[in-house]
Amino acid sequence: MDSDNLIRMANRIGEFFEAMPDRTEAIEGIATHLKKFWDPRMRRQFLALLEQDGGGQLKEIVRAAAQQHRALLE
């Protein structure tokens, strides 16, 4: 899948969960959503993008979700 598309989709998910008042719950929600609804190949590519450039184009909350819940996403 196109890397730009993955980043765009992840950021849109982040925007949804970012509105939640509990940040910890929001971060967990992002990771859970990615696990449930993204194909394993998409998650692997997403994590590889995060490693390559530190997730520079990702919203901060999406980066936090990926870093804190990496084991869930792998």
PDB file of N, CA and C in Angstrom:
ATOM      1  N   MET A   1       0.842  -1.170   0.000  1.00  0.00           N
ATOM      2  CA  MET A   1       0.000   0.000   0.000  1.00  0.00           C
ATOM      3  C   MET A   1       0.892   1.240   0.000  1.00  0.00           C
ATOM      4  N   ASP A   2       0.400   2.291  -0.585  1.00  0.00           N
ATOM      5  CA  ASP A   2       1.120   3.551  -0.664  1.00  0.00           C
ATOM      6  C   ASP A   2       1.369   4.113   0.742  1.00  0.00           C
ATOM      7  N   SER A   3       2.593   4.476   1.021  1.00  0.00           N
ATOM      8  CA  SER A   3       2.963   4.973   2.350  1.00  0.00           C
ATOM      9  C   SER A   3       2.184   6.231   2.727  1.00  0.00           C
ATOM     10  N   ASP A   4       2.012   7.129   1.784  1.00  0.00           N
ATOM     11  CA  ASP A   4       1.266   8.359   2.065  1.00  0.00           C
ATOM     12  C   ASP A   4      -0.170   8.044   2.469  1.00  0.00           C
ATOM     13  N   ASN A   5      -0.750   7.043   1.825  1.00  0.00           N
ATOM     14  CA  ASN A   5      -2.118   6.645   2.144  1.00  0.00           C
ATOM     15  C   ASN A   5      -2.197   6.062   3.561  1.00  0.00           C
ATOM     16  N   LEU A   6      -1.222   5.243   3.927  1.00  0.00           N
ATOM     17  CA  LEU A   6      -1.191   4.684   5.292  1.00  0.00           C
ATOM     18  C   LEU A   6      -1.112   5.792   6.330  1.00  0.00           C
ATOM     19  N   ILE A   7      -0.250   6.755   6.086  1.00  0.00           N
ATOM     20  CA  ILE A   7      -0.090   7.870   7.023  1.00  0.00           C
ATOM     21  C   ILE A   7      -1.380   8.675   7.111  1.00  0.00           C
ATOM     22  N   ARG A   8      -1.991   8.944   5.977  1.00  0.00           N
ATOM     23  CA  ARG A   8      -3.246   9.694   5.958  1.00  0.00           C
ATOM     24  C   ARG A   8      -4.321   8.958   6.738  1.00  0.00           C
ATOM     25  N   MET A   9      -4.438   7.646   6.503  1.00  0.00           N
ATOM     26  CA  MET A   9      -5.458   6.859   7.202  1.00  0.00           C
ATOM     27  C   MET A   9      -5.184   6.823   8.711  1.00  0.00           C
ATOM     28  N   ALA A  10      -3.936   6.627   9.093  1.00  0.00           N
ATOM     29  CA  ALA A  10      -3.587   6.587  10.511  1.00  0.00           C
ATOM     30  C   ALA A  10      -3.892   7.925  11.186  1.00  0.00           C
ATOM     31  N   ASN A  11      -3.591   9.013  10.509  1.00  0.00           N
ATOM     32  CA  ASN A  11      -3.870  10.333  11.074  1.00  0.00           C
ATOM     33  C   ASN A  11      -5.365  10.593  11.209  1.00  0.00           C
ATOM     34  N   ARG A  12      -6.156  10.085  10.286  1.00  0.00           N
ATOM     35  CA  ARG A  12      -7.612  10.247  10.398  1.00  0.00           C
ATOM     36  C   ARG A  12      -8.144   9.465  11.595  1.00  0.00           C
ATOM     37  N   ILE A  13      -7.614   8.280  11.814  1.00  0.00           N
ATOM     38  CA  ILE A  13      -7.991   7.496  12.990  1.00  0.00           C
ATOM     39  C   ILE A  13      -7.586   8.273  14.246  1.00  0.00           C
ATOM     40  N   GLY A  14      -6.385   8.827  14.219  1.00  0.00           N
ATOM     41  CA  GLY A  14      -5.910   9.614  15.341  1.00  0.00           C
ATOM     42  C   GLY A  14      -6.796  10.816  15.632  1.00  0.00           C
ATOM     43  N   GLU A  15      -7.267  11.482  14.583  1.00  0.00           N
ATOM     44  CA  GLU A  15      -8.157  12.641  14.759  1.00  0.00           C
ATOM     45  C   GLU A  15      -9.437  12.234  15.483  1.00  0.00           C
ATOM     46  N   PHE A  16      -9.967  11.080  15.118  1.00  0.00           N
ATOM     47  CA  PHE A  16     -11.190  10.607  15.771  1.00  0.00           C
ATOM     48  C   PHE A  16     -10.956  10.392  17.265  1.00  0.00           C
ATOM     49  N   PHE A  17      -9.906   9.644  17.594  1.00  0.00           N
ATOM     50  CA  PHE A  17      -9.652   9.294  18.989  1.00  0.00           C
ATOM     51  C   PHE A  17      -9.100  10.474  19.794  1.00  0.00           C
ATOM     52  N   GLU A  18      -8.477  11.425  19.126  1.00  0.00           N
ATOM     53  CA  GLU A  18      -7.909  12.587  19.801  1.00  0.00           C
ATOM     54  C   GLU A  18      -8.980  13.414  20.520  1.00  0.00           C
ATOM     55  N   ALA A  19     -10.218  13.302  20.056  1.00  0.00           N
ATOM     56  CA  ALA A  19     -11.327  14.051  20.659  1.00  0.00           C
ATOM     57  C   ALA A  19     -11.745  13.475  22.014  1.00  0.00           C
ATOM     58  N   MET A  20     -11.276  12.297  22.335  1.00  0.00           N
ATOM     59  CA  MET A  20     -11.642  11.674  23.608  1.00  0.00           C
ATOM     60  C   MET A  20     -10.977  12.426  24.757  1.00  0.00           C
ATOM     61  N   PRO A  21     -11.681  12.606  25.866  1.00  0.00           N
ATOM     62  CA  PRO A  21     -11.096  13.348  26.992  1.00  0.00           C
ATOM     63  C   PRO A  21      -9.965  12.607  27.711  1.00  0.00           C
ATOM     64  N   ASP A  22      -9.986  11.284  27.681  1.00  0.00           N
ATOM     65  CA  ASP A  22      -8.962  10.486  28.360  1.00  0.00           C
ATOM     66  C   ASP A  22      -7.890  10.087  27.344  1.00  0.00           C
ATOM     67  N   ARG A  23      -6.721  10.718  27.446  1.00  0.00           N
ATOM     68  CA  ARG A  23      -5.654  10.479  26.466  1.00  0.00           C
ATOM     69  C   ARG A  23      -5.188   9.019  26.468  1.00  0.00           C
ATOM     70  N   THR A  24      -5.076   8.421  27.627  1.00  0.00           N
ATOM     71  CA  THR A  24      -4.639   7.023  27.709  1.00  0.00           C
ATOM     72  C   THR A  24      -5.621   6.121  26.973  1.00  0.00           C
ATOM     73  N   GLU A  25      -6.892   6.365  27.172  1.00  0.00           N
ATOM     74  CA  GLU A  25      -7.927   5.590  26.492  1.00  0.00           C
ATOM     75  C   GLU A  25      -7.880   5.831  24.979  1.00  0.00           C
ATOM     76  N   ALA A  26      -7.604   7.060  24.584  1.00  0.00           N
ATOM     77  CA  ALA A  26      -7.520   7.392  23.163  1.00  0.00           C
ATOM     78  C   ALA A  26      -6.352   6.654  22.499  1.00  0.00           C
ATOM     79  N   ILE A  27      -5.205   6.655  23.158  1.00  0.00           N
ATOM     80  CA  ILE A  27      -4.021   5.980  22.613  1.00  0.00           C
ATOM     81  C   ILE A  27      -4.278   4.483  22.489  1.00  0.00           C
ATOM     82  N   GLU A  28      -4.881   3.906  23.495  1.00  0.00           N
ATOM     83  CA  GLU A  28      -5.220   2.481  23.440  1.00  0.00           C
ATOM     84  C   GLU A  28      -6.249   2.221  22.335  1.00  0.00           C
ATOM     85  N   GLY A  29      -7.194   3.127  22.166  1.00  0.00           N
ATOM     86  CA  GLY A  29      -8.213   2.981  21.124  1.00  0.00           C
ATOM     87  C   GLY A  29      -7.618   2.987  19.732  1.00  0.00           C
ATOM     88  N   ILE A  30      -6.628   3.833  19.504  1.00  0.00           N
ATOM     89  CA  ILE A  30      -5.964   3.882  18.202  1.00  0.00           C
ATOM     90  C   ILE A  30      -5.287   2.547  17.917  1.00  0.00           C
ATOM     91  N   ALA A  31      -4.511   2.064  18.876  1.00  0.00           N
ATOM     92  CA  ALA A  31      -3.795   0.796  18.687  1.00  0.00           C
ATOM     93  C   ALA A  31      -4.767  -0.360  18.473  1.00  0.00           C
ATOM     94  N   THR A  32      -5.826  -0.390  19.242  1.00  0.00           N
ATOM     95  CA  THR A  32      -6.819  -1.458  19.107  1.00  0.00           C
ATOM     96  C   THR A  32      -7.492  -1.399  17.738  1.00  0.00           C
ATOM     97  N   HIS A  33      -7.806  -0.195  17.286  1.00  0.00           N
ATOM     98  CA  HIS A  33      -8.430  -0.036  15.975  1.00  0.00           C
ATOM     99  C   HIS A  33      -7.501  -0.558  14.870  1.00  0.00           C
ATOM    100  N   LEU A  34      -6.225  -0.175  14.935  1.00  0.00           N
ATOM    101  CA  LEU A  34      -5.265  -0.639  13.932  1.00  0.00           C
ATOM    102  C   LEU A  34      -5.142  -2.158  13.952  1.00  0.00           C
ATOM    103  N   LYS A  35      -5.125  -2.738  15.119  1.00  0.00           N
ATOM    104  CA  LYS A  35      -5.027  -4.200  15.245  1.00  0.00           C
ATOM    105  C   LYS A  35      -6.252  -4.894  14.654  1.00  0.00           C
ATOM    106  N   LYS A  36      -7.436  -4.364  14.960  1.00  0.00           N
ATOM    107  CA  LYS A  36      -8.680  -5.001  14.522  1.00  0.00           C
ATOM    108  C   LYS A  36      -8.948  -4.851  13.028  1.00  0.00           C
ATOM    109  N   PHE A  37      -8.667  -3.663  12.496  1.00  0.00           N
ATOM    110  CA  PHE A  37      -9.146  -3.349  11.157  1.00  0.00           C
ATOM    111  C   PHE A  37      -8.075  -3.238  10.081  1.00  0.00           C
ATOM    112  N   TRP A  38      -6.821  -3.231  10.455  1.00  0.00           N
ATOM    113  CA  TRP A  38      -5.762  -3.175   9.452  1.00  0.00           C
ATOM    114  C   TRP A  38      -5.186  -4.566   9.247  1.00  0.00           C
ATOM    115  N   ASP A  39      -4.971  -4.885   8.007  1.00  0.00           N
ATOM    116  CA  ASP A  39      -4.330  -6.132   7.610  1.00  0.00           C
ATOM    117  C   ASP A  39      -2.920  -6.170   8.224  1.00  0.00           C
ATOM    118  N   PRO A  40      -2.433  -7.362   8.607  1.00  0.00           N
ATOM    119  CA  PRO A  40      -1.082  -7.442   9.177  1.00  0.00           C
ATOM    120  C   PRO A  40      -0.003  -6.809   8.295  1.00  0.00           C
ATOM    121  N   ARG A  41      -0.159  -6.923   6.972  1.00  0.00           N
ATOM    122  CA  ARG A  41       0.825  -6.304   6.075  1.00  0.00           C
ATOM    123  C   ARG A  41       0.818  -4.785   6.213  1.00  0.00           C
ATOM    124  N   MET A  42      -0.365  -4.218   6.374  1.00  0.00           N
ATOM    125  CA  MET A  42      -0.484  -2.771   6.556  1.00  0.00           C
ATOM    126  C   MET A  42       0.186  -2.344   7.860  1.00  0.00           C
ATOM    127  N   ARG A  43      -0.040  -3.121   8.918  1.00  0.00           N
ATOM    128  CA  ARG A  43       0.560  -2.790  10.206  1.00  0.00           C
ATOM    129  C   ARG A  43       2.084  -2.894  10.146  1.00  0.00           C
ATOM    130  N   ARG A  44       2.602  -3.917   9.479  1.00  0.00           N
ATOM    131  CA  ARG A  44       4.052  -4.059   9.346  1.00  0.00           C
ATOM    132  C   ARG A  44       4.644  -2.884   8.578  1.00  0.00           C
ATOM    133  N   GLN A  45       3.989  -2.502   7.496  1.00  0.00           N
ATOM    134  CA  GLN A  45       4.469  -1.376   6.697  1.00  0.00           C
ATOM    135  C   GLN A  45       4.411  -0.079   7.513  1.00  0.00           C
ATOM    136  N   PHE A  46       3.339   0.087   8.274  1.00  0.00           N
ATOM    137  CA  PHE A  46       3.170   1.259   9.124  1.00  0.00           C
ATOM    138  C   PHE A  46       4.297   1.331  10.156  1.00  0.00           C
ATOM    139  N   LEU A  47       4.592   0.225  10.818  1.00  0.00           N
ATOM    140  CA  LEU A  47       5.660   0.197  11.822  1.00  0.00           C
ATOM    141  C   LEU A  47       7.020   0.433  11.175  1.00  0.00           C
ATOM    142  N   ALA A  48       7.219  -0.071   9.960  1.00  0.00           N
ATOM    143  CA  ALA A  48       8.476   0.161   9.249  1.00  0.00           C
ATOM    144  C   ALA A  48       8.628   1.647   8.921  1.00  0.00           C
ATOM    145  N   LEU A  49       7.549   2.297   8.530  1.00  0.00           N
ATOM    146  CA  LEU A  49       7.585   3.746   8.264  1.00  0.00           C
ATOM    147  C   LEU A  49       7.962   4.506   9.528  1.00  0.00           C
ATOM    148  N   LEU A  50       7.419   4.075  10.629  1.00  0.00           N
ATOM    149  CA  LEU A  50       7.703   4.715  11.910  1.00  0.00           C
ATOM    150  C   LEU A  50       9.191   4.598  12.244  1.00  0.00           C
ATOM    151  N   GLU A  51       9.773   3.455  11.953  1.00  0.00           N
ATOM    152  CA  GLU A  51      11.198   3.243  12.220  1.00  0.00           C
ATOM    153  C   GLU A  51      12.068   4.064  11.283  1.00  0.00           C
ATOM    154  N   GLN A  52      11.648   4.179  10.018  1.00  0.00           N
ATOM    155  CA  GLN A  52      12.465   4.867   9.014  1.00  0.00           C
ATOM    156  C   GLN A  52      12.634   6.349   9.305  1.00  0.00           C
ATOM    157  N   ASP A  53      11.527   7.023   9.549  1.00  0.00           N
ATOM    158  CA  ASP A  53      11.630   8.478   9.720  1.00  0.00           C
ATOM    159  C   ASP A  53      11.069   8.958  11.047  1.00  0.00           C
ATOM    160  N   GLY A  54      10.840   8.035  11.956  1.00  0.00           N
ATOM    161  CA  GLY A  54      10.319   8.419  13.260  1.00  0.00           C
ATOM    162  C   GLY A  54       8.876   8.864  13.228  1.00  0.00           C
ATOM    163  N   GLY A  55       8.200   8.594  12.119  1.00  0.00           N
ATOM    164  CA  GLY A  55       6.795   8.972  12.013  1.00  0.00           C
ATOM    165  C   GLY A  55       6.601  10.467  11.908  1.00  0.00           C
ATOM    166  N   GLY A  56       7.522  11.132  11.222  1.00  0.00           N
ATOM    167  CA  GLY A  56       7.497  12.585  11.118  1.00  0.00           C
ATOM    168  C   GLY A  56       6.184  13.182  10.635  1.00  0.00           C
ATOM    169  N   GLN A  57       5.475  12.486   9.762  1.00  0.00           N
ATOM    170  CA  GLN A  57       4.222  13.013   9.229  1.00  0.00           C
ATOM    171  C   GLN A  57       3.007  12.583  10.049  1.00  0.00           C
ATOM    172  N   LEU A  58       3.234  11.748  11.034  1.00  0.00           N
ATOM    173  CA  LEU A  58       2.123  11.257  11.853  1.00  0.00           C
ATOM    174  C   LEU A  58       1.777  12.239  12.958  1.00  0.00           C
ATOM    175  N   LYS A  59       0.502  12.272  13.300  1.00  0.00           N
ATOM    176  CA  LYS A  59       0.069  13.050  14.463  1.00  0.00           C
ATOM    177  C   LYS A  59       0.776  12.464  15.692  1.00  0.00           C
ATOM    178  N   GLU A  60       1.043  13.313  16.648  1.00  0.00           N
ATOM    179  CA  GLU A  60       1.773  12.886  17.836  1.00  0.00           C
ATOM    180  C   GLU A  60       1.053  11.751  18.570  1.00  0.00           C
ATOM    181  N   ILE A  61      -0.265  11.803  18.628  1.00  0.00           N
ATOM    182  CA  ILE A  61      -1.029  10.772  19.343  1.00  0.00           C
ATOM    183  C   ILE A  61      -0.938   9.417  18.630  1.00  0.00           C
ATOM    184  N   VAL A  62      -0.821   9.436  17.307  1.00  0.00           N
ATOM    185  CA  VAL A  62      -0.687   8.184  16.542  1.00  0.00           C
ATOM    186  C   VAL A  62       0.699   7.588  16.786  1.00  0.00           C
ATOM    187  N   ARG A  63       1.719   8.445  16.785  1.00  0.00           N
ATOM    188  CA  ARG A  63       3.083   7.970  17.096  1.00  0.00           C
ATOM    189  C   ARG A  63       3.116   7.355  18.489  1.00  0.00           C
ATOM    190  N   ALA A  64       2.488   8.026  19.454  1.00  0.00           N
ATOM    191  CA  ALA A  64       2.467   7.518  20.830  1.00  0.00           C
ATOM    192  C   ALA A  64       1.777   6.161  20.895  1.00  0.00           C
ATOM    193  N   ALA A  65       0.677   6.015  20.180  1.00  0.00           N
ATOM    194  CA  ALA A  65      -0.055   4.740  20.177  1.00  0.00           C
ATOM    195  C   ALA A  65       0.812   3.622  19.601  1.00  0.00           C
ATOM    196  N   ALA A  66       1.494   3.917  18.511  1.00  0.00           N
ATOM    197  CA  ALA A  66       2.335   2.900  17.874  1.00  0.00           C
ATOM    198  C   ALA A  66       3.521   2.524  18.762  1.00  0.00           C
ATOM    199  N   GLN A  67       4.098   3.506  19.425  1.00  0.00           N
ATOM    200  CA  GLN A  67       5.256   3.234  20.278  1.00  0.00           C
ATOM    201  C   GLN A  67       4.858   2.499  21.549  1.00  0.00           C
ATOM    202  N   GLN A  68       3.766   2.919  22.170  1.00  0.00           N
ATOM    203  CA  GLN A  68       3.355   2.313  23.436  1.00  0.00           C
ATOM    204  C   GLN A  68       2.735   0.930  23.267  1.00  0.00           C
ATOM    205  N   HIS A  69       2.147   0.679  22.109  1.00  0.00           N
ATOM    206  CA  HIS A  69       1.444  -0.593  21.887  1.00  0.00           C
ATOM    207  C   HIS A  69       2.026  -1.360  20.697  1.00  0.00           C
ATOM    208  N   ARG A  70       3.312  -1.209  20.504  1.00  0.00           N
ATOM    209  CA  ARG A  70       3.971  -1.856  19.373  1.00  0.00           C
ATOM    210  C   ARG A  70       3.755  -3.379  19.370  1.00  0.00           C
ATOM    211  N   ALA A  71       3.874  -3.998  20.513  1.00  0.00           N
ATOM    212  CA  ALA A  71       3.711  -5.455  20.604  1.00  0.00           C
ATOM    213  C   ALA A  71       2.328  -5.879  20.108  1.00  0.00           C
ATOM    214  N   LEU A  72       1.322  -5.108  20.406  1.00  0.00           N
ATOM    215  CA  LEU A  72      -0.041  -5.422  19.951  1.00  0.00           C
ATOM    216  C   LEU A  72      -0.131  -5.335  18.429  1.00  0.00           C
ATOM    217  N   LEU A  73       0.588  -4.390  17.844  1.00  0.00           N
ATOM    218  CA  LEU A  73       0.508  -4.158  16.401  1.00  0.00           C
ATOM    219  C   LEU A  73       1.370  -5.108  15.589  1.00  0.00           C
ATOM    220  N   GLU A  74       2.341  -5.747  16.208  1.00  0.00           N
ATOM    221  CA  GLU A  74       3.239  -6.636  15.455  1.00  0.00           C
ATOM    222  C   GLU A  74       2.639  -7.958  15.131  1.00  0.00           C
TER     223      GLU A  74
END
